[in-house]
Amino acid sequence: GMVHYFTTEETTTCTPNIRVSSAVSLNDIMTAGDVVTVTVITTA
């Protein structure tokens, strides 16, 4: 999905990784000029 909602309160910092799946990269499916919009929601 393009929207990801995490229901447990976030209590630390992290560096998330955006990809298509463990087997497919975003670079694999996009070419110059393509655009995606991703939303990530965390419990504050």
PDB file of all heavy atoms in Angstrom:
ATOM      1  N   GLY A   1       0.827  -1.202   0.000  1.00  0.00           N
ATOM      2  CA  GLY A   1       0.000   0.000   0.000  1.00  0.00           C
ATOM      3  C   GLY A   1       0.858   1.248   0.000  1.00  0.00           C
ATOM      4  O   GLY A   1       2.042   1.213   0.338  1.00  0.00           O
ATOM      5  N   MET A   2       0.244   2.361  -0.345  1.00  0.00           N
ATOM      6  CA  MET A   2       0.952   3.639  -0.395  1.00  0.00           C
ATOM      7  C   MET A   2       0.798   4.422   0.904  1.00  0.00           C
ATOM      8  O   MET A   2       1.441   5.440   1.096  1.00  0.00           O
ATOM      9  CB  MET A   2       0.452   4.480  -1.575  1.00  0.00           C
ATOM     10  CG  MET A   2       0.654   3.798  -2.930  1.00  0.00           C
ATOM     11  SD  MET A   2       2.341   3.282  -3.231  1.00  0.00           S
ATOM     12  CE  MET A   2       3.037   4.816  -3.758  1.00  0.00           C
ATOM     13  N   VAL A   3      -0.065   3.941   1.800  1.00  0.00           N
ATOM     14  CA  VAL A   3      -0.250   4.546   3.118  1.00  0.00           C
ATOM     15  C   VAL A   3       0.047   3.465   4.152  1.00  0.00           C
ATOM     16  O   VAL A   3      -0.480   2.352   4.071  1.00  0.00           O
ATOM     17  CB  VAL A   3      -1.686   5.094   3.303  1.00  0.00           C
ATOM     18  CG1 VAL A   3      -1.883   5.650   4.701  1.00  0.00           C
ATOM     19  CG2 VAL A   3      -2.004   6.133   2.250  1.00  0.00           C
ATOM     20  N   HIS A   4       0.909   3.798   5.115  1.00  0.00           N
ATOM     21  CA  HIS A   4       1.298   2.854   6.164  1.00  0.00           C
ATOM     22  C   HIS A   4       1.015   3.493   7.516  1.00  0.00           C
ATOM     23  O   HIS A   4       1.497   4.584   7.806  1.00  0.00           O
ATOM     24  CB  HIS A   4       2.781   2.492   6.023  1.00  0.00           C
ATOM     25  CG  HIS A   4       3.045   1.684   4.800  1.00  0.00           C
ATOM     26  ND1 HIS A   4       3.256   0.328   4.845  1.00  0.00           N
ATOM     27  CD2 HIS A   4       3.100   2.034   3.499  1.00  0.00           C
ATOM     28  CE1 HIS A   4       3.433  -0.118   3.610  1.00  0.00           C
ATOM     29  NE2 HIS A   4       3.343   0.909   2.781  1.00  0.00           N
ATOM     30  N   TYR A   5       0.213   2.796   8.325  1.00  0.00           N
ATOM     31  CA  TYR A   5      -0.216   3.294   9.628  1.00  0.00           C
ATOM     32  C   TYR A   5       0.298   2.355  10.714  1.00  0.00           C
ATOM     33  O   TYR A   5      -0.005   1.157  10.709  1.00  0.00           O
ATOM     34  CB  TYR A   5      -1.739   3.399   9.659  1.00  0.00           C
ATOM     35  CG  TYR A   5      -2.342   3.784  10.992  1.00  0.00           C
ATOM     36  CD1 TYR A   5      -1.764   4.744  11.801  1.00  0.00           C
ATOM     37  CD2 TYR A   5      -3.518   3.187  11.433  1.00  0.00           C
ATOM     38  CE1 TYR A   5      -2.325   5.102  13.014  1.00  0.00           C
ATOM     39  CE2 TYR A   5      -4.089   3.536  12.649  1.00  0.00           C
ATOM     40  CZ  TYR A   5      -3.480   4.486  13.429  1.00  0.00           C
ATOM     41  OH  TYR A   5      -4.033   4.835  14.638  1.00  0.00           O
ATOM     42  N   PHE A   6       1.095   2.899  11.643  1.00  0.00           N
ATOM     43  CA  PHE A   6       1.661   2.142  12.752  1.00  0.00           C
ATOM     44  C   PHE A   6       0.911   2.521  14.021  1.00  0.00           C
ATOM     45  O   PHE A   6       0.899   3.677  14.419  1.00  0.00           O
ATOM     46  CB  PHE A   6       3.164   2.436  12.872  1.00  0.00           C
ATOM     47  CG  PHE A   6       3.923   1.973  11.661  1.00  0.00           C
ATOM     48  CD1 PHE A   6       4.076   2.804  10.566  1.00  0.00           C
ATOM     49  CD2 PHE A   6       4.445   0.693  11.601  1.00  0.00           C
ATOM     50  CE1 PHE A   6       4.746   2.374   9.429  1.00  0.00           C
ATOM     51  CE2 PHE A   6       5.124   0.252  10.471  1.00  0.00           C
ATOM     52  CZ  PHE A   6       5.274   1.094   9.385  1.00  0.00           C
ATOM     53  N   THR A   7       0.278   1.522  14.660  1.00  0.00           N
ATOM     54  CA  THR A   7      -0.665   1.791  15.747  1.00  0.00           C
ATOM     55  C   THR A   7      -0.026   1.885  17.132  1.00  0.00           C
ATOM     56  O   THR A   7      -0.679   2.325  18.069  1.00  0.00           O
ATOM     57  CB  THR A   7      -1.757   0.705  15.794  1.00  0.00           C
ATOM     58  OG1 THR A   7      -1.146  -0.566  16.061  1.00  0.00           O
ATOM     59  CG2 THR A   7      -2.528   0.643  14.481  1.00  0.00           C
ATOM     60  N   THR A   8       1.232   1.479  17.269  1.00  0.00           N
ATOM     61  CA  THR A   8       1.896   1.518  18.567  1.00  0.00           C
ATOM     62  C   THR A   8       2.689   2.813  18.701  1.00  0.00           C
ATOM     63  O   THR A   8       3.354   3.236  17.757  1.00  0.00           O
ATOM     64  CB  THR A   8       2.833   0.301  18.741  1.00  0.00           C
ATOM     65  OG1 THR A   8       2.048  -0.890  18.613  1.00  0.00           O
ATOM     66  CG2 THR A   8       3.518   0.311  20.090  1.00  0.00           C
ATOM     67  N   GLU A   9       2.613   3.436  19.869  1.00  0.00           N
ATOM     68  CA  GLU A   9       3.299   4.705  20.108  1.00  0.00           C
ATOM     69  C   GLU A   9       4.792   4.582  19.801  1.00  0.00           C
ATOM     70  O   GLU A   9       5.465   3.668  20.272  1.00  0.00           O
ATOM     71  CB  GLU A   9       3.098   5.131  21.560  1.00  0.00           C
ATOM     72  CG  GLU A   9       3.700   6.474  21.882  1.00  0.00           C
ATOM     73  CD  GLU A   9       3.394   6.885  23.312  1.00  0.00           C
ATOM     74  OE1 GLU A   9       3.423   6.025  24.217  1.00  0.00           O
ATOM     75  OE2 GLU A   9       3.134   8.081  23.516  1.00  0.00           O
ATOM     76  N   GLU A  10       5.289   5.525  18.991  1.00  0.00           N
ATOM     77  CA  GLU A  10       6.704   5.541  18.603  1.00  0.00           C
ATOM     78  C   GLU A  10       7.520   6.253  19.673  1.00  0.00           C
ATOM     79  O   GLU A  10       7.266   7.414  19.976  1.00  0.00           O
ATOM     80  CB  GLU A  10       6.867   6.245  17.255  1.00  0.00           C
ATOM     81  CG  GLU A  10       8.276   6.201  16.711  1.00  0.00           C
ATOM     82  CD  GLU A  10       8.793   4.784  16.568  1.00  0.00           C
ATOM     83  OE1 GLU A  10       8.277   4.031  15.733  1.00  0.00           O
ATOM     84  OE2 GLU A  10       9.727   4.439  17.306  1.00  0.00           O
ATOM     85  N   THR A  11       8.522   5.573  20.236  1.00  0.00           N
ATOM     86  CA  THR A  11       9.289   6.149  21.339  1.00  0.00           C
ATOM     87  C   THR A  11      10.778   6.264  21.047  1.00  0.00           C
ATOM     88  O   THR A  11      11.571   6.502  21.954  1.00  0.00           O
ATOM     89  CB  THR A  11       9.107   5.294  22.609  1.00  0.00           C
ATOM     90  OG1 THR A  11       9.504   3.945  22.306  1.00  0.00           O
ATOM     91  CG2 THR A  11       7.660   5.332  23.089  1.00  0.00           C
ATOM     92  N   THR A  12      11.181   6.110  19.801  1.00  0.00           N
ATOM     93  CA  THR A  12      12.594   6.192  19.458  1.00  0.00           C
ATOM     94  C   THR A  12      12.753   6.754  18.043  1.00  0.00           C
ATOM     95  O   THR A  12      11.775   6.929  17.326  1.00  0.00           O
ATOM     96  CB  THR A  12      13.268   4.803  19.579  1.00  0.00           C
ATOM     97  OG1 THR A  12      14.678   4.945  19.428  1.00  0.00           O
ATOM     98  CG2 THR A  12      12.745   3.835  18.534  1.00  0.00           C
ATOM     99  N   THR A  13      13.968   7.045  17.666  1.00  0.00           N
ATOM    100  CA  THR A  13      14.231   7.488  16.300  1.00  0.00           C
ATOM    101  C   THR A  13      14.635   6.288  15.453  1.00  0.00           C
ATOM    102  O   THR A  13      15.111   5.274  15.980  1.00  0.00           O
ATOM    103  CB  THR A  13      15.352   8.540  16.255  1.00  0.00           C
ATOM    104  OG1 THR A  13      16.544   7.962  16.764  1.00  0.00           O
ATOM    105  CG2 THR A  13      14.976   9.768  17.078  1.00  0.00           C
ATOM    106  N   CYS A  14      14.435   6.411  14.149  1.00  0.00           N
ATOM    107  CA  CYS A  14      14.834   5.339  13.246  1.00  0.00           C
ATOM    108  C   CYS A  14      15.017   5.907  11.846  1.00  0.00           C
ATOM    109  O   CYS A  14      14.647   7.050  11.573  1.00  0.00           O
ATOM    110  CB  CYS A  14      13.813   4.205  13.253  1.00  0.00           C
ATOM    111  SG  CYS A  14      12.189   4.639  12.612  1.00  0.00           S
ATOM    112  N   THR A  15      15.591   5.085  10.968  1.00  0.00           N
ATOM    113  CA  THR A  15      15.776   5.458   9.573  1.00  0.00           C
ATOM    114  C   THR A  15      15.006   4.447   8.725  1.00  0.00           C
ATOM    115  O   THR A  15      15.533   3.387   8.375  1.00  0.00           O
ATOM    116  CB  THR A  15      17.269   5.469   9.192  1.00  0.00           C
ATOM    117  OG1 THR A  15      17.952   6.373  10.054  1.00  0.00           O
ATOM    118  CG2 THR A  15      17.464   5.904   7.750  1.00  0.00           C
ATOM    119  N   PRO A  16      13.760   4.742   8.388  1.00  0.00           N
ATOM    120  CA  PRO A  16      12.955   3.811   7.586  1.00  0.00           C
ATOM    121  C   PRO A  16      13.455   3.720   6.142  1.00  0.00           C
ATOM    122  O   PRO A  16      14.105   4.630   5.625  1.00  0.00           O
ATOM    123  CB  PRO A  16      11.548   4.425   7.630  1.00  0.00           C
ATOM    124  CG  PRO A  16      11.577   5.330   8.826  1.00  0.00           C
ATOM    125  CD  PRO A  16      12.977   5.849   8.887  1.00  0.00           C
ATOM    126  N   ASN A  17      13.128   2.621   5.495  1.00  0.00           N
ATOM    127  CA  ASN A  17      13.528   2.340   4.132  1.00  0.00           C
ATOM    128  C   ASN A  17      12.292   2.138   3.251  1.00  0.00           C
ATOM    129  O   ASN A  17      11.469   1.271   3.523  1.00  0.00           O
ATOM    130  CB  ASN A  17      14.395   1.075   4.091  1.00  0.00           C
ATOM    131  CG  ASN A  17      14.851   0.729   2.699  1.00  0.00           C
ATOM    132  OD1 ASN A  17      15.356   1.580   1.983  1.00  0.00           O
ATOM    133  ND2 ASN A  17      14.668  -0.520   2.310  1.00  0.00           N
ATOM    134  N   ILE A  18      12.168   2.943   2.197  1.00  0.00           N
ATOM    135  CA  ILE A  18      11.052   2.818   1.255  1.00  0.00           C
ATOM    136  C   ILE A  18      11.500   1.954   0.088  1.00  0.00           C
ATOM    137  O   ILE A  18      12.536   2.217  -0.532  1.00  0.00           O
ATOM    138  CB  ILE A  18      10.588   4.212   0.774  1.00  0.00           C
ATOM    139  CG1 ILE A  18      10.089   5.033   1.964  1.00  0.00           C
ATOM    140  CG2 ILE A  18       9.511   4.072  -0.302  1.00  0.00           C
ATOM    141  CD1 ILE A  18       9.796   6.492   1.633  1.00  0.00           C
ATOM    142  N   ARG A  19      10.725   0.921  -0.213  1.00  0.00           N
ATOM    143  CA  ARG A  19      11.012   0.001  -1.314  1.00  0.00           C
ATOM    144  C   ARG A  19       9.692  -0.576  -1.806  1.00  0.00           C
ATOM    145  O   ARG A  19       8.645  -0.318  -1.207  1.00  0.00           O
ATOM    146  CB  ARG A  19      11.952  -1.112  -0.841  1.00  0.00           C
ATOM    147  CG  ARG A  19      11.333  -1.983   0.240  1.00  0.00           C
ATOM    148  CD  ARG A  19      12.298  -2.977   0.816  1.00  0.00           C
ATOM    149  NE  ARG A  19      11.582  -3.925   1.688  1.00  0.00           N
ATOM    150  CZ  ARG A  19      12.141  -4.922   2.315  1.00  0.00           C
ATOM    151  NH1 ARG A  19      13.446  -5.129   2.202  1.00  0.00           N
ATOM    152  NH2 ARG A  19      11.424  -5.738   3.065  1.00  0.00           N
ATOM    153  N   VAL A  20       9.729  -1.363  -2.851  1.00  0.00           N
ATOM    154  CA  VAL A  20       8.501  -2.009  -3.322  1.00  0.00           C
ATOM    155  C   VAL A  20       8.248  -3.273  -2.504  1.00  0.00           C
ATOM    156  O   VAL A  20       7.159  -3.497  -1.986  1.00  0.00           O
ATOM    157  CB  VAL A  20       8.567  -2.313  -4.828  1.00  0.00           C
ATOM    158  CG1 VAL A  20       7.342  -3.086  -5.284  1.00  0.00           C
ATOM    159  CG2 VAL A  20       8.701  -1.018  -5.617  1.00  0.00           C
ATOM    160  N   SER A  21       9.273  -4.109  -2.382  1.00  0.00           N
ATOM    161  CA  SER A  21       9.203  -5.337  -1.581  1.00  0.00           C
ATOM    162  C   SER A  21      10.627  -5.796  -1.324  1.00  0.00           C
ATOM    163  O   SER A  21      11.583  -5.176  -1.798  1.00  0.00           O
ATOM    164  CB  SER A  21       8.419  -6.427  -2.320  1.00  0.00           C
ATOM    165  OG  SER A  21       9.148  -6.885  -3.450  1.00  0.00           O
ATOM    166  N   SER A  22      10.776  -6.901  -0.616  1.00  0.00           N
ATOM    167  CA  SER A  22      12.125  -7.408  -0.356  1.00  0.00           C
ATOM    168  C   SER A  22      12.810  -7.867  -1.641  1.00  0.00           C
ATOM    169  O   SER A  22      14.033  -7.922  -1.702  1.00  0.00           O
ATOM    170  CB  SER A  22      12.081  -8.550   0.659  1.00  0.00           C
ATOM    171  OG  SER A  22      11.310  -9.625   0.152  1.00  0.00           O
ATOM    172  N   ALA A  23      12.030  -8.173  -2.679  1.00  0.00           N
ATOM    173  CA  ALA A  23      12.596  -8.666  -3.939  1.00  0.00           C
ATOM    174  C   ALA A  23      12.624  -7.619  -5.053  1.00  0.00           C
ATOM    175  O   ALA A  23      13.306  -7.810  -6.059  1.00  0.00           O
ATOM    176  CB  ALA A  23      11.802  -9.885  -4.418  1.00  0.00           C
ATOM    177  N   VAL A  24      11.886  -6.503  -4.882  1.00  0.00           N
ATOM    178  CA  VAL A  24      11.769  -5.500  -5.954  1.00  0.00           C
ATOM    179  C   VAL A  24      12.078  -4.125  -5.375  1.00  0.00           C
ATOM    180  O   VAL A  24      11.497  -3.722  -4.369  1.00  0.00           O
ATOM    181  CB  VAL A  24      10.354  -5.505  -6.573  1.00  0.00           C
ATOM    182  CG1 VAL A  24      10.231  -4.455  -7.665  1.00  0.00           C
ATOM    183  CG2 VAL A  24      10.010  -6.884  -7.115  1.00  0.00           C
ATOM    184  N   SER A  25      12.979  -3.407  -6.026  1.00  0.00           N
ATOM    185  CA  SER A  25      13.328  -2.061  -5.576  1.00  0.00           C
ATOM    186  C   SER A  25      12.461  -1.019  -6.280  1.00  0.00           C
ATOM    187  O   SER A  25      11.888  -1.276  -7.340  1.00  0.00           O
ATOM    188  CB  SER A  25      14.807  -1.775  -5.844  1.00  0.00           C
ATOM    189  OG  SER A  25      15.038  -1.612  -7.225  1.00  0.00           O
ATOM    190  N   LEU A  26      12.389   0.158  -5.683  1.00  0.00           N
ATOM    191  CA  LEU A  26      11.695   1.272  -6.323  1.00  0.00           C
ATOM    192  C   LEU A  26      12.420   1.659  -7.612  1.00  0.00           C
ATOM    193  O   LEU A  26      11.794   1.987  -8.615  1.00  0.00           O
ATOM    194  CB  LEU A  26      11.624   2.447  -5.351  1.00  0.00           C
ATOM    195  CG  LEU A  26      10.553   3.495  -5.589  1.00  0.00           C
ATOM    196  CD1 LEU A  26       9.166   2.897  -5.636  1.00  0.00           C
ATOM    197  CD2 LEU A  26      10.625   4.576  -4.530  1.00  0.00           C
ATOM    198  N   ASN A  27      13.731   1.575  -7.575  1.00  0.00           N
ATOM    199  CA  ASN A  27      14.535   1.872  -8.757  1.00  0.00           C
ATOM    200  C   ASN A  27      14.193   0.924  -9.917  1.00  0.00           C
ATOM    201  O   ASN A  27      14.252   1.320 -11.081  1.00  0.00           O
ATOM    202  CB  ASN A  27      16.020   1.790  -8.416  1.00  0.00           C
ATOM    203  CG  ASN A  27      16.886   2.378  -9.493  1.00  0.00           C
ATOM    204  OD1 ASN A  27      16.710   3.536  -9.866  1.00  0.00           O
ATOM    205  ND2 ASN A  27      17.818   1.603  -9.992  1.00  0.00           N
ATOM    206  N   ASP A  28      13.812  -0.330  -9.602  1.00  0.00           N
ATOM    207  CA  ASP A  28      13.460  -1.313 -10.642  1.00  0.00           C
ATOM    208  C   ASP A  28      12.213  -0.918 -11.422  1.00  0.00           C
ATOM    209  O   ASP A  28      12.102  -1.220 -12.607  1.00  0.00           O
ATOM    210  CB  ASP A  28      13.202  -2.700 -10.027  1.00  0.00           C
ATOM    211  CG  ASP A  28      14.453  -3.379  -9.527  1.00  0.00           C
ATOM    212  OD1 ASP A  28      15.555  -3.019  -9.969  1.00  0.00           O
ATOM    213  OD2 ASP A  28      14.313  -4.289  -8.661  1.00  0.00           O
ATOM    214  N   ILE A  29      11.251  -0.278 -10.746  1.00  0.00           N
ATOM    215  CA  ILE A  29       9.957  -0.035 -11.402  1.00  0.00           C
ATOM    216  C   ILE A  29       9.759   1.393 -11.883  1.00  0.00           C
ATOM    217  O   ILE A  29       8.803   1.669 -12.594  1.00  0.00           O
ATOM    218  CB  ILE A  29       8.783  -0.435 -10.483  1.00  0.00           C
ATOM    219  CG1 ILE A  29       8.713   0.474  -9.260  1.00  0.00           C
ATOM    220  CG2 ILE A  29       8.870  -1.901 -10.098  1.00  0.00           C
ATOM    221  CD1 ILE A  29       7.385   0.426  -8.550  1.00  0.00           C
ATOM    222  N   MET A  30      10.660   2.305 -11.490  1.00  0.00           N
ATOM    223  CA  MET A  30      10.502   3.710 -11.882  1.00  0.00           C
ATOM    224  C   MET A  30      11.543   4.095 -12.928  1.00  0.00           C
ATOM    225  O   MET A  30      12.673   3.625 -12.888  1.00  0.00           O
ATOM    226  CB  MET A  30      10.630   4.634 -10.669  1.00  0.00           C
ATOM    227  CG  MET A  30       9.502   4.484  -9.664  1.00  0.00           C
ATOM    228  SD  MET A  30       9.683   5.605  -8.238  1.00  0.00           S
ATOM    229  CE  MET A  30       9.187   7.166  -8.980  1.00  0.00           C
ATOM    230  N   THR A  31      11.132   4.969 -13.846  1.00  0.00           N
ATOM    231  CA  THR A  31      12.062   5.565 -14.799  1.00  0.00           C
ATOM    232  C   THR A  31      11.978   7.079 -14.645  1.00  0.00           C
ATOM    233  O   THR A  31      11.057   7.604 -14.019  1.00  0.00           O
ATOM    234  CB  THR A  31      11.737   5.158 -16.249  1.00  0.00           C
ATOM    235  OG1 THR A  31      10.412   5.578 -16.563  1.00  0.00           O
ATOM    236  CG2 THR A  31      11.839   3.649 -16.443  1.00  0.00           C
ATOM    237  N   ALA A  32      12.938   7.787 -15.222  1.00  0.00           N
ATOM    238  CA  ALA A  32      12.991   9.248 -15.094  1.00  0.00           C
ATOM    239  C   ALA A  32      11.640   9.862 -15.455  1.00  0.00           C
ATOM    240  O   ALA A  32      11.057   9.543 -16.491  1.00  0.00           O
ATOM    241  CB  ALA A  32      14.089   9.818 -15.970  1.00  0.00           C
ATOM    242  N   GLY A  33      11.134  10.696 -14.570  1.00  0.00           N
ATOM    243  CA  GLY A  33       9.844  11.361 -14.759  1.00  0.00           C
ATOM    244  C   GLY A  33       8.702  10.712 -13.999  1.00  0.00           C
ATOM    245  O   GLY A  33       7.646  11.319 -13.850  1.00  0.00           O
ATOM    246  N   ASP A  34       8.895   9.497 -13.496  1.00  0.00           N
ATOM    247  CA  ASP A  34       7.857   8.847 -12.694  1.00  0.00           C
ATOM    248  C   ASP A  34       7.834   9.461 -11.301  1.00  0.00           C
ATOM    249  O   ASP A  34       8.843   9.944 -10.784  1.00  0.00           O
ATOM    250  CB  ASP A  34       8.112   7.348 -12.564  1.00  0.00           C
ATOM    251  CG  ASP A  34       7.846   6.579 -13.844  1.00  0.00           C
ATOM    252  OD1 ASP A  34       7.209   7.134 -14.759  1.00  0.00           O
ATOM    253  OD2 ASP A  34       8.289   5.412 -13.920  1.00  0.00           O
ATOM    254  N   VAL A  35       6.668   9.412 -10.645  1.00  0.00           N
ATOM    255  CA  VAL A  35       6.508   9.959  -9.299  1.00  0.00           C
ATOM    256  C   VAL A  35       5.577   9.057  -8.489  1.00  0.00           C
ATOM    257  O   VAL A  35       4.638   8.473  -9.036  1.00  0.00           O
ATOM    258  CB  VAL A  35       5.978  11.416  -9.342  1.00  0.00           C
ATOM    259  CG1 VAL A  35       4.596  11.484  -9.955  1.00  0.00           C
ATOM    260  CG2 VAL A  35       5.997  12.054  -7.978  1.00  0.00           C
ATOM    261  N   VAL A  36       5.879   8.913  -7.203  1.00  0.00           N
ATOM    262  CA  VAL A  36       4.994   8.219  -6.264  1.00  0.00           C
ATOM    263  C   VAL A  36       4.837   9.095  -5.033  1.00  0.00           C
ATOM    264  O   VAL A  36       5.728   9.883  -4.704  1.00  0.00           O
ATOM    265  CB  VAL A  36       5.495   6.811  -5.855  1.00  0.00           C
ATOM    266  CG1 VAL A  36       5.553   5.881  -7.043  1.00  0.00           C
ATOM    267  CG2 VAL A  36       6.827   6.877  -5.150  1.00  0.00           C
ATOM    268  N   THR A  37       3.708   8.950  -4.369  1.00  0.00           N
ATOM    269  CA  THR A  37       3.462   9.647  -3.119  1.00  0.00           C
ATOM    270  C   THR A  37       3.204   8.605  -2.042  1.00  0.00           C
ATOM    271  O   THR A  37       2.364   7.718  -2.218  1.00  0.00           O
ATOM    272  CB  THR A  37       2.253  10.600  -3.250  1.00  0.00           C
ATOM    273  OG1 THR A  37       2.532  11.536  -4.288  1.00  0.00           O
ATOM    274  CG2 THR A  37       2.012  11.343  -1.962  1.00  0.00           C
ATOM    275  N   VAL A  38       3.948   8.712  -0.952  1.00  0.00           N
ATOM    276  CA  VAL A  38       3.882   7.742   0.135  1.00  0.00           C
ATOM    277  C   VAL A  38       3.534   8.491   1.418  1.00  0.00           C
ATOM    278  O   VAL A  38       4.081   9.561   1.682  1.00  0.00           O
ATOM    279  CB  VAL A  38       5.238   7.016   0.299  1.00  0.00           C
ATOM    280  CG1 VAL A  38       5.177   6.006   1.420  1.00  0.00           C
ATOM    281  CG2 VAL A  38       5.670   6.372  -1.007  1.00  0.00           C
ATOM    282  N   THR A  39       2.640   7.919   2.219  1.00  0.00           N
ATOM    283  CA  THR A  39       2.272   8.490   3.512  1.00  0.00           C
ATOM    284  C   THR A  39       2.546   7.459   4.593  1.00  0.00           C
ATOM    285  O   THR A  39       2.146   6.300   4.470  1.00  0.00           O
ATOM    286  CB  THR A  39       0.785   8.890   3.530  1.00  0.00           C
ATOM    287  OG1 THR A  39       0.542   9.813   2.468  1.00  0.00           O
ATOM    288  CG2 THR A  39       0.398   9.518   4.856  1.00  0.00           C
ATOM    289  N   VAL A  40       3.237   7.901   5.648  1.00  0.00           N
ATOM    290  CA  VAL A  40       3.523   7.044   6.792  1.00  0.00           C
ATOM    291  C   VAL A  40       2.975   7.748   8.037  1.00  0.00           C
ATOM    292  O   VAL A  40       3.314   8.894   8.312  1.00  0.00           O
ATOM    293  CB  VAL A  40       5.035   6.780   6.935  1.00  0.00           C
ATOM    294  CG1 VAL A  40       5.319   5.952   8.177  1.00  0.00           C
ATOM    295  CG2 VAL A  40       5.579   6.087   5.685  1.00  0.00           C
ATOM    296  N   ILE A  41       2.119   7.033   8.774  1.00  0.00           N
ATOM    297  CA  ILE A  41       1.463   7.587   9.953  1.00  0.00           C
ATOM    298  C   ILE A  41       1.936   6.815  11.172  1.00  0.00           C
ATOM    299  O   ILE A  41       1.851   5.586  11.207  1.00  0.00           O
ATOM    300  CB  ILE A  41      -0.071   7.484   9.820  1.00  0.00           C
ATOM    301  CG1 ILE A  41      -0.534   8.169   8.531  1.00  0.00           C
ATOM    302  CG2 ILE A  41      -0.765   8.061  11.050  1.00  0.00           C
ATOM    303  CD1 ILE A  41      -1.946   7.817   8.126  1.00  0.00           C
ATOM    304  N   THR A  42       2.446   7.556  12.162  1.00  0.00           N
ATOM    305  CA  THR A  42       2.878   6.922  13.410  1.00  0.00           C
ATOM    306  C   THR A  42       2.087   7.501  14.574  1.00  0.00           C
ATOM    307  O   THR A  42       1.639   8.639  14.520  1.00  0.00           O
ATOM    308  CB  THR A  42       4.385   7.127  13.656  1.00  0.00           C
ATOM    309  OG1 THR A  42       4.663   8.514  13.827  1.00  0.00           O
ATOM    310  CG2 THR A  42       5.214   6.577  12.504  1.00  0.00           C
ATOM    311  N   THR A  43       1.932   6.714  15.623  1.00  0.00           N
ATOM    312  CA  THR A  43       1.297   7.198  16.838  1.00  0.00           C
ATOM    313  C   THR A  43       2.342   8.020  17.582  1.00  0.00           C
ATOM    314  O   THR A  43       3.419   7.529  17.907  1.00  0.00           O
ATOM    315  CB  THR A  43       0.779   6.017  17.683  1.00  0.00           C
ATOM    316  OG1 THR A  43      -0.127   5.258  16.864  1.00  0.00           O
ATOM    317  CG2 THR A  43       0.048   6.502  18.914  1.00  0.00           C
ATOM    318  N   ALA A  44       2.035   9.299  17.795  1.00  0.00           N
ATOM    319  CA  ALA A  44       3.037  10.290  18.205  1.00  0.00           C
ATOM    320  C   ALA A  44       3.520  10.136  19.635  1.00  0.00           C
ATOM    321  O   ALA A  44       2.776   9.757  20.529  1.00  0.00           O
ATOM    322  CB  ALA A  44       2.459  11.695  18.020  1.00  0.00           C
TER     323      ALA A  44
END
